[in-house]
């Protein structure tokens, strides 16, 4: 199946066979997205619309030409599953009656990506953590060593890895092809106005009139929020001024969690290493900031309002890890620009069209149906999970953290909130990459139910 027209043919065929769509009903063609909430065994929500499954609902996989009312996919509709669904509305205020539900088969998708190796998991067999994945080298893997790397003995953290492959049953990606390239010793410098926005600080004292633009190496960028001795103010771009409170317990909590999440290979680098990122963390009074704002090279902001919502360190770690992933992504983009000749045509195709050239991408589903910003966000969400896991935080808490962080205002019962797309994407990665490890280490029958919905079959 190649597009909506195939979906329409499937829908029409099923409707004709089972007479499931009354001629007078309003029909919806097709709605696509993550299941964000399940209200009952047969009722779920996609993009804010409720659907009801009946005995006449046909199920199949996206990309295949057949559906069946008896498909076992009927039991796979859980939060985090990506689907296409069409149906008819039987009446006002009633859920849309689902006629066809097509499920994206994430477990069998071909993957490709590029990223810096931030952890060597195993040397027999070789398993590397890069681009938010665990990538296993098989005897059948086509391996290329480039740029002065001659064998696995020359591969270390901070080495670049480009890969293609498919998910294995244990959550690692079985690589079909990999390329290893050393990092270029190029000093990172963000492009003003393109990769960053202008940032200024000033004393919070109303009498203070001086302002200073933040720039890498400036005195007020050497320390982070944990070193604030008095309140300061910060302005991002043309926005209004916000307070950086000199609240030591608050700032130290953000600093402690942030530094724990920084990859070990980054922390081990000497300050003069051009591939080292000097991470700093600030809590800022900004009720409009829902996630972690990635400002300059290593500077990350998280709002005091979000810190207040996320009482668990594991939850706050999910948001801060996204800011760290953003900084890694930005520097990686710079490095790829200098390595494109070594990486060759494969990486050039992989990164084509990204708004920051050269970041690691992953082929997830129909590439043409998603924009580059979505792909980059998914990469950050994957890397954030890996950073959390490596630092000893519980990655299963991440979907619940975004569920609490993203709404403008929390309802009286936060449990009623649907999961946003950020949560849903991470649930899919958790179920594919982390569920097997969680079961093996804790003897669990399913993913931790208190954090995210259970893994689908």
Protein backbone atom coordinates (compact mmCIF):
# COMPACT_ATOMS: atom_id res chain seq x y z
CA UNK A 1 0.00 0.00 0.00
CA UNK A 2 1.55 3.29 -1.04
CA UNK A 3 -0.76 6.02 0.22
CA UNK A 4 -4.25 7.24 1.11
CA UNK A 5 -5.77 5.94 -2.14
CA UNK A 6 -4.89 2.36 -1.11
CA UNK A 7 -6.40 3.03 2.29
CA UNK A 8 -9.62 4.24 0.61
CA UNK A 9 -9.80 1.07 -1.51
CA UNK A 10 -9.40 -1.09 1.60
CA UNK A 11 -12.06 0.87 3.41
CA UNK A 12 -14.50 0.69 0.53
CA UNK A 13 -13.98 -3.04 0.10
CA UNK A 14 -14.54 -3.75 3.76
CA UNK A 15 -17.56 -1.46 3.97
CA UNK A 16 -19.15 -3.19 0.96
CA UNK A 17 -18.46 -6.63 2.46
CA UNK A 18 -19.85 -6.03 5.94
CA UNK A 19 -22.17 -3.03 5.33
CA UNK A 20 -20.50 -1.34 8.31
CA UNK A 21 -20.89 2.26 7.07
CA UNK A 22 -24.43 3.61 6.84
CA UNK A 23 -24.91 5.82 3.79
CA UNK A 24 -26.19 8.68 5.93
CA UNK A 25 -23.26 8.65 8.38
CA UNK A 26 -20.48 11.23 8.28
CA UNK A 27 -17.35 9.36 7.24
CA UNK A 28 -13.80 10.28 8.27
CA UNK A 29 -10.88 9.45 5.94
CA UNK A 30 -8.26 8.58 7.37
CA UNK A 31 -6.96 10.02 10.64
CA UNK A 32 -3.34 9.17 11.40
CA UNK A 33 -1.34 9.40 14.60
CA UNK A 34 -0.52 7.87 17.96
CA UNK A 35 -3.14 6.44 20.29
CA UNK A 36 -2.92 8.95 23.13
CA UNK A 37 -5.53 7.47 25.46
CA UNK A 38 -7.58 4.30 25.88
CA UNK A 39 -10.93 4.90 27.58
CA UNK A 40 -12.22 1.31 27.52
CA UNK A 41 -11.17 -1.96 25.87
CA UNK A 42 -12.84 -0.91 22.62
CA UNK A 43 -12.52 2.88 22.74
CA UNK A 44 -9.39 4.92 22.09
CA UNK A 45 -8.31 8.46 21.19
CA UNK A 46 -6.20 9.71 18.27
CA UNK A 47 -5.46 13.42 17.73
CA UNK A 48 -8.18 14.33 20.21
CA UNK A 49 -10.90 12.24 18.50
CA UNK A 50 -12.48 9.19 20.08
CA UNK A 51 -12.99 5.97 18.14
CA UNK A 52 -15.02 2.91 19.01
CA UNK A 53 -14.07 -0.56 17.72
CA UNK A 54 -16.88 -2.93 16.69
CA UNK A 55 -16.97 -6.54 15.56
CA UNK A 56 -17.02 -5.26 11.96
CA UNK A 57 -13.81 -3.22 12.29
CA UNK A 58 -11.09 -4.47 9.97
CA UNK A 59 -7.46 -4.55 11.12
CA UNK A 60 -4.18 -4.73 9.23
CA UNK A 61 -0.70 -3.27 8.96
CA UNK A 62 0.15 0.02 7.27
CA UNK A 63 1.75 -0.88 3.94
CA UNK A 64 -0.14 -4.13 3.43
CA UNK A 65 -3.16 -4.65 1.21
CA UNK A 66 -5.36 -6.86 3.36
CA UNK A 67 -7.45 -6.36 6.49
CA UNK A 68 -9.38 -8.79 8.65
CA UNK A 69 -12.01 -8.44 11.33
CA UNK A 70 -10.40 -11.43 13.08
CA UNK A 71 -6.86 -10.03 13.11
CA UNK A 72 -4.93 -10.31 16.43
CA UNK A 73 -4.05 -6.64 15.92
CA UNK A 74 -7.46 -5.96 17.47
CA UNK A 75 -5.74 -6.58 20.82
CA UNK A 76 -2.73 -4.35 20.06
CA UNK A 77 -4.48 -0.99 20.48
CA UNK A 78 -2.65 0.59 23.38
CA UNK A 79 -1.25 4.02 24.16
CA UNK A 80 1.79 4.71 22.00
CA UNK A 81 0.71 2.59 19.01
CA UNK A 82 0.79 4.50 15.70
CA UNK A 83 -2.24 3.90 13.48
CA UNK A 84 -4.31 5.03 10.52
CA UNK A 85 -8.03 4.85 11.25
CA UNK A 86 -11.22 5.70 9.39
CA UNK A 87 -14.84 5.36 10.34
CA UNK A 88 -18.27 6.91 10.61
CA UNK A 89 -19.93 9.00 13.29
CA UNK A 90 -23.26 7.45 14.39
CA UNK A 91 -24.49 10.60 16.10
CA UNK A 92 -23.61 13.76 17.99
CA UNK A 93 -21.21 13.38 20.94
CA UNK A 94 -20.68 9.71 20.11
CA UNK A 95 -17.27 8.16 19.36
CA UNK A 96 -16.48 7.64 15.70
CA UNK A 97 -17.22 4.03 14.76
CA UNK A 98 -13.91 2.66 13.43
CA UNK A 99 -14.27 0.87 10.09
CA UNK A 100 -10.60 0.22 9.30
CA UNK A 101 -7.61 0.40 11.65
CA UNK A 102 -4.11 0.02 10.20
CA UNK A 103 -1.22 -0.40 12.66
CA UNK A 104 2.35 0.67 11.92
CA UNK A 105 4.63 -2.36 12.26
CA UNK A 106 7.49 -0.61 14.06
CA UNK A 107 9.22 -3.84 15.09
CA UNK A 108 9.90 -4.78 11.46
CA UNK A 109 10.88 -1.37 10.12
CA UNK A 110 14.28 -0.89 8.50
CA UNK A 111 16.34 1.62 10.46
CA UNK A 112 19.24 3.84 9.46
CA UNK A 113 21.01 6.51 11.42
CA UNK A 114 24.23 8.25 12.35
CA UNK A 115 25.64 9.38 15.65
CA UNK A 116 28.57 9.54 18.00
CA UNK A 117 29.24 6.39 20.03
CA UNK A 118 28.63 7.40 23.65
CA UNK A 119 29.01 3.92 25.12
CA UNK A 120 30.63 0.61 24.19
CA UNK A 121 28.21 -1.96 25.58
CA UNK A 122 30.06 -5.13 24.60
CA UNK A 123 33.10 -6.26 22.61
CA UNK A 124 32.01 -9.87 22.07
CA UNK A 125 29.82 -9.38 20.16
CA UNK A 126 30.44 -5.70 19.42
CA UNK A 127 27.45 -3.63 20.62
CA UNK A 128 27.60 0.16 20.55
CA UNK A 129 25.22 2.82 21.84
CA UNK A 130 24.77 5.61 19.28
CA UNK A 131 21.90 7.74 17.98
CA UNK A 132 19.78 6.48 20.89
CA UNK A 133 20.03 2.84 19.75
CA UNK A 134 21.99 -0.22 20.80
CA UNK A 135 23.66 -1.40 17.59
CA UNK A 136 24.94 -4.98 17.35
CA UNK A 137 27.59 -6.06 14.84
CA UNK A 138 26.84 -9.51 13.42
CA UNK A 139 29.17 -11.84 11.47
CA UNK A 140 27.07 -10.91 8.42
CA UNK A 141 27.36 -7.14 8.98
CA UNK A 142 29.13 -5.21 6.21
CA UNK A 143 31.74 -3.18 8.15
CA UNK A 144 33.72 -0.20 6.80
CA UNK A 145 36.55 1.45 8.77
CA UNK A 146 37.29 4.95 7.47
CA UNK A 147 39.48 7.96 8.20
CA UNK A 148 42.38 6.11 9.80
CA UNK A 149 40.31 3.59 11.76
CA UNK A 150 41.49 0.12 10.74
CA UNK A 151 39.79 -2.30 13.14
CA UNK A 152 37.45 -2.54 16.11
CA UNK A 153 40.48 -1.97 18.33
CA UNK A 154 40.57 1.62 17.01
CA UNK A 155 36.88 2.26 17.76
CA UNK A 156 36.12 4.15 20.97
CA UNK A 157 33.54 6.50 22.41
CA UNK A 158 33.29 9.76 20.44
CA UNK A 159 33.81 7.75 17.22
CA UNK A 160 31.15 8.31 14.57
CA UNK A 161 28.96 5.38 13.53
CA UNK A 162 26.61 5.22 10.54
CA UNK A 163 24.35 2.18 10.34
CA UNK A 164 21.46 0.41 8.68
CA UNK A 165 19.62 -2.53 10.23
CA UNK A 166 16.49 -3.92 11.89
CA UNK A 167 15.32 -4.47 15.43
CA UNK A 168 16.39 -7.67 17.16
CA UNK A 169 14.15 -9.45 19.64
CA UNK A 170 16.29 -8.32 22.59
CA UNK A 171 15.94 -4.61 21.74
CA UNK A 172 19.28 -4.09 20.00
CA UNK A 173 19.45 -3.18 16.30
CA UNK A 174 21.03 -5.94 14.23
CA UNK A 175 23.21 -3.99 11.83
CA UNK A 176 23.27 -4.87 8.13
CA UNK A 177 25.96 -2.27 7.43
CA UNK A 178 28.08 0.06 9.58
CA UNK A 179 30.71 2.70 8.95
CA UNK A 180 33.14 3.96 11.61
CA UNK A 181 34.71 7.42 11.26
CA UNK A 182 36.88 9.33 13.76
CA UNK A 183 35.69 12.74 14.98
CA UNK A 184 37.22 15.81 13.39
CA UNK A 185 39.00 18.13 15.84
CA UNK A 186 36.92 21.15 14.82
CA UNK A 187 35.95 23.73 17.42
CA UNK A 188 32.17 23.90 17.67
CA UNK A 189 30.60 27.28 17.00
CA UNK A 190 26.88 27.79 16.66
CA UNK A 191 25.60 30.02 13.85
CA UNK A 192 24.11 33.14 15.40
CA UNK A 193 20.46 33.66 14.49
CA UNK A 194 20.19 30.25 12.82
CA UNK A 195 21.09 27.58 15.37
CA UNK A 196 20.75 29.87 18.38
CA UNK A 197 18.83 32.99 19.30
CA UNK A 198 20.42 36.04 20.97
CA UNK A 199 20.51 35.70 24.77
CA UNK A 200 21.17 38.48 27.28
CA UNK A 201 21.44 38.62 31.05
CA UNK A 202 21.32 41.44 33.58
CA UNK A 203 21.15 41.79 37.36
CA UNK A 204 17.66 41.31 38.75
CA UNK A 205 18.07 44.51 40.72
CA UNK A 206 15.89 47.12 38.93
CA UNK A 207 18.70 49.66 39.22
CA UNK A 208 20.99 47.54 37.13
CA UNK A 209 21.01 48.87 33.56
CA UNK A 210 23.87 46.93 32.03
CA UNK A 211 23.25 43.90 29.83
CA UNK A 212 25.70 41.38 28.48
CA UNK A 213 25.23 39.01 25.57
CA UNK A 214 25.92 35.43 26.52
CA UNK A 215 28.67 33.87 24.46
CA UNK A 216 30.83 30.76 24.94
CA UNK A 217 33.70 31.65 27.24
CA UNK A 218 32.12 34.80 28.68
CA UNK A 219 32.44 35.03 32.50
CA UNK A 220 28.73 34.55 33.14
CA UNK A 221 28.76 31.33 31.09
CA UNK A 222 31.49 29.52 33.02
CA UNK A 223 29.19 28.60 35.89
CA UNK A 224 25.61 27.45 35.94
CA UNK A 225 22.57 28.12 38.08
CA UNK A 226 24.01 26.32 41.11
CA UNK A 227 26.61 29.12 41.40
CA UNK A 228 24.14 32.03 41.39
CA UNK A 229 24.63 34.25 44.44
CA UNK A 230 21.78 36.63 43.61
CA UNK A 231 18.80 36.65 41.27
CA UNK A 232 19.57 37.49 37.67
CA UNK A 233 17.39 38.06 34.64
CA UNK A 234 17.62 36.52 31.20
CA UNK A 235 16.07 37.41 27.86
CA UNK A 236 15.95 35.04 24.89
CA UNK A 237 15.62 36.72 21.50
CA UNK A 238 13.03 39.49 21.52
CA UNK A 239 11.07 37.96 24.41
CA UNK A 240 10.56 39.45 27.83
CA UNK A 241 12.99 39.23 30.74
CA UNK A 242 12.76 36.18 33.03
CA UNK A 243 14.25 35.64 36.46
CA UNK A 244 17.06 33.18 37.16
CA UNK A 245 16.39 32.68 40.88
CA UNK A 246 19.31 32.28 43.28
CA UNK A 247 17.40 29.44 44.93
CA UNK A 248 20.24 27.10 45.84
CA UNK A 249 18.23 23.91 46.53
CA UNK A 250 16.33 24.40 43.26
CA UNK A 251 19.38 25.23 41.15
CA UNK A 252 21.49 22.51 42.76
CA UNK A 253 18.83 19.89 42.03
CA UNK A 254 18.78 20.88 38.35
CA UNK A 255 22.61 20.95 38.27
CA UNK A 256 22.94 17.57 40.00
CA UNK A 257 20.51 15.82 37.66
CA UNK A 258 21.91 17.54 34.59
CA UNK A 259 25.53 16.65 35.27
CA UNK A 260 24.59 13.04 36.03
CA UNK A 261 22.99 12.83 32.57
CA UNK A 262 26.01 14.19 30.66
CA UNK A 263 27.60 11.23 28.83
CA UNK A 264 30.58 9.76 30.65
CA UNK A 265 32.86 10.23 27.64
CA UNK A 266 32.03 13.96 27.63
CA UNK A 267 32.74 14.33 31.35
CA UNK A 268 36.09 12.56 30.93
CA UNK A 269 37.34 14.94 28.22
CA UNK A 270 39.89 17.61 29.10
CA UNK A 271 38.61 21.16 28.83
CA UNK A 272 40.73 21.90 25.77
CA UNK A 273 39.26 19.07 23.71
CA UNK A 274 37.39 20.72 20.78
CA UNK A 275 34.68 18.03 20.91
CA UNK A 276 33.94 18.66 24.60
CA UNK A 277 30.67 20.44 25.40
CA UNK A 278 30.71 22.61 28.53
CA UNK A 279 27.28 21.83 29.96
CA UNK A 280 25.61 24.33 32.31
CA UNK A 281 22.11 24.10 33.77
CA UNK A 282 19.74 26.86 34.88
CA UNK A 283 16.25 26.91 36.37
CA UNK A 284 14.40 29.96 35.05
CA UNK A 285 11.04 31.49 35.93
CA UNK A 286 9.25 31.04 32.58
CA UNK A 287 5.76 29.56 32.60
CA UNK A 288 5.79 29.32 28.80
CA UNK A 289 8.78 26.94 28.70
CA UNK A 290 7.45 23.37 28.55
CA UNK A 291 10.67 21.48 27.95
CA UNK A 292 14.39 22.21 28.22
CA UNK A 293 15.62 25.16 26.19
CA UNK A 294 18.95 24.53 24.45
CA UNK A 295 20.60 27.97 24.18
CA UNK A 296 24.31 28.07 23.48
CA UNK A 297 26.99 25.40 23.43
CA UNK A 298 26.07 23.46 26.58
CA UNK A 299 23.69 26.00 28.18
CA UNK A 300 20.32 24.48 29.11
CA UNK A 301 17.28 26.12 30.72
CA UNK A 302 14.37 24.39 32.43
CA UNK A 303 11.46 26.34 33.91
CA UNK A 304 10.83 26.48 37.64
CA UNK A 305 7.17 25.76 36.84
CA UNK A 306 8.03 22.44 35.19
CA UNK A 307 10.46 21.56 37.99
CA UNK A 308 7.55 22.08 40.37
CA UNK A 309 5.35 19.69 38.40
CA UNK A 310 7.96 16.93 38.26
CA UNK A 311 8.53 15.88 41.85
CA UNK A 312 10.51 12.76 40.93
CA UNK A 313 14.13 13.16 39.86
CA UNK A 314 13.55 10.51 37.17
CA UNK A 315 10.81 12.68 35.64
CA UNK A 316 12.86 15.87 35.71
CA UNK A 317 15.76 13.92 34.21
CA UNK A 318 13.60 13.17 31.15
CA UNK A 319 13.17 16.87 30.39
CA UNK A 320 16.77 17.87 31.11
CA UNK A 321 18.06 14.92 29.04
CA UNK A 322 16.19 16.34 26.05
CA UNK A 323 18.22 19.56 26.39
CA UNK A 324 21.48 17.60 26.60
CA UNK A 325 20.49 15.63 23.50
CA UNK A 326 19.83 18.92 21.71
CA UNK A 327 23.37 20.12 22.44
CA UNK A 328 24.86 16.80 21.31
CA UNK A 329 22.76 16.98 18.17
CA UNK A 330 23.96 20.50 17.38
CA UNK A 331 27.64 19.70 17.79
CA UNK A 332 27.25 16.45 15.88
CA UNK A 333 25.78 18.44 12.99
CA UNK A 334 28.93 20.54 12.86
CA UNK A 335 31.16 17.49 12.93
CA UNK A 336 29.32 15.78 10.08
CA UNK A 337 29.81 18.80 7.85
CA UNK A 338 33.56 18.25 8.11
CA UNK A 339 33.33 14.47 7.68
CA UNK A 340 31.01 14.20 4.70
CA UNK A 341 33.73 13.06 2.33
CA UNK A 342 34.68 10.20 4.65
CA UNK A 343 31.09 9.22 5.35
CA UNK A 344 30.23 9.19 1.66
CA UNK A 345 26.92 9.22 -0.17
CA UNK A 346 25.06 7.13 2.44
CA UNK A 347 25.29 9.83 5.08
CA UNK A 348 24.58 12.56 2.53
CA UNK A 349 21.25 10.92 1.70
CA UNK A 350 20.52 10.23 5.36
CA UNK A 351 20.80 13.87 6.38
CA UNK A 352 19.37 15.54 3.28
CA UNK A 353 17.01 18.38 4.06
CA UNK A 354 17.55 18.64 7.81
CA UNK A 355 17.30 22.24 9.02
CA UNK A 356 20.57 21.76 10.89
CA UNK A 357 22.75 19.96 8.30
CA UNK A 358 24.22 16.60 9.18
CA UNK A 359 22.43 15.38 12.31
CA UNK A 360 21.88 11.68 12.77
CA UNK A 361 18.51 10.58 11.45
CA UNK A 362 16.49 7.38 11.62
CA UNK A 363 14.17 6.00 8.98
CA UNK A 364 11.02 5.45 11.04
CA UNK A 365 7.91 4.63 9.06
CA UNK A 366 7.15 6.52 5.86
CA UNK A 367 10.00 9.05 5.62
CA UNK A 368 8.14 11.27 3.19
CA UNK A 369 5.17 11.70 5.53
CA UNK A 370 7.22 13.37 8.27
CA UNK A 371 9.19 16.59 8.28
CA UNK A 372 12.81 16.94 9.34
CA UNK A 373 11.96 18.70 12.60
CA UNK A 374 9.89 15.67 13.64
CA UNK A 375 12.78 13.34 12.79
CA UNK A 376 15.21 15.45 14.84
CA UNK A 377 12.84 15.53 17.80
CA UNK A 378 12.51 11.75 17.68
CA UNK A 379 16.29 11.44 17.68
CA UNK A 380 16.51 13.66 20.77
CA UNK A 381 13.80 11.64 22.52
CA UNK A 382 15.69 8.39 21.81
CA UNK A 383 19.01 9.81 22.97
CA UNK A 384 17.34 11.19 26.12
CA UNK A 385 16.13 7.70 27.04
CA UNK A 386 19.65 6.34 26.55
CA UNK A 387 21.14 9.13 28.68
CA UNK A 388 18.62 8.41 31.44
CA UNK A 389 19.30 4.69 31.40
CA UNK A 390 23.09 5.15 31.37
CA UNK A 391 22.90 7.57 34.33
CA UNK A 392 20.78 5.22 36.43
CA UNK A 393 17.49 7.08 36.04
CA UNK A 394 14.34 5.13 35.16
CA UNK A 395 13.63 5.73 31.43
CA UNK A 396 10.08 4.37 31.89
CA UNK A 397 9.28 7.59 33.77
CA UNK A 398 9.92 9.73 30.68
CA UNK A 399 6.48 9.37 28.98
CA UNK A 400 4.72 10.33 32.19
CA UNK A 401 7.03 13.33 32.58
CA UNK A 402 6.10 14.76 29.17
CA UNK A 403 2.45 14.06 29.92
CA UNK A 404 2.77 16.38 32.94
CA UNK A 405 5.12 18.92 31.35
CA UNK A 406 3.48 19.71 28.03
CA UNK A 407 -0.04 20.95 29.00
CA UNK A 408 -0.36 24.69 29.50
CA UNK A 409 -2.46 24.04 32.61
CA UNK A 410 -2.80 20.81 34.55
CA UNK A 411 -6.34 19.53 35.20
CA UNK A 412 -7.47 18.65 38.70
CA UNK A 413 -6.97 14.99 37.76
CA UNK A 414 -3.68 14.69 35.78
CA UNK A 415 -4.43 10.99 35.19
CA UNK A 416 -7.13 12.11 32.74
CA UNK A 417 -4.55 13.66 30.42
CA UNK A 418 -3.90 11.92 27.09
CA UNK A 419 -0.28 11.11 26.31
CA UNK A 420 1.29 13.62 23.87
CA UNK A 421 3.20 12.49 20.78
CA UNK A 422 6.53 12.88 22.62
CA UNK A 423 5.37 10.36 25.21
CA UNK A 424 3.93 8.02 22.60
CA UNK A 425 7.13 7.92 20.58
CA UNK A 426 9.15 7.14 23.71
CA UNK A 427 6.67 4.42 24.72
CA UNK A 428 7.30 2.76 21.37
CA UNK A 429 11.08 2.90 21.86
CA UNK A 430 10.78 1.65 25.44
CA UNK A 431 8.70 -1.32 24.35
CA UNK A 432 11.08 -2.16 21.50
CA UNK A 433 14.46 -1.46 23.09
CA UNK A 434 14.09 -1.51 26.87
CA UNK A 435 11.29 -3.97 27.70
CA UNK A 436 13.41 -7.11 27.22
CA UNK A 437 16.17 -5.75 29.45
CA UNK A 438 13.63 -4.73 32.11
CA UNK A 439 12.10 -8.19 32.14
CA UNK A 440 15.49 -9.89 32.30
CA UNK A 441 16.80 -7.76 35.17
CA UNK A 442 13.63 -7.60 37.27
CA UNK A 443 11.77 -10.75 36.26
CA UNK A 444 8.79 -8.67 35.13
CA UNK A 445 6.04 -9.99 32.90
CA UNK A 446 5.59 -6.59 31.23
CA UNK A 447 6.86 -3.03 31.23
CA UNK A 448 6.43 -1.11 34.51
CA UNK A 449 2.70 -0.38 34.57
CA UNK A 450 3.06 2.57 36.92
CA UNK A 451 5.12 4.49 34.35
CA UNK A 452 3.67 3.69 30.93
CA UNK A 453 1.02 1.38 29.48
CA UNK A 454 2.22 -2.21 29.10
CA UNK A 455 4.12 -3.33 26.04
CA UNK A 456 2.05 -4.48 23.11
CA UNK A 457 2.51 -8.03 21.77
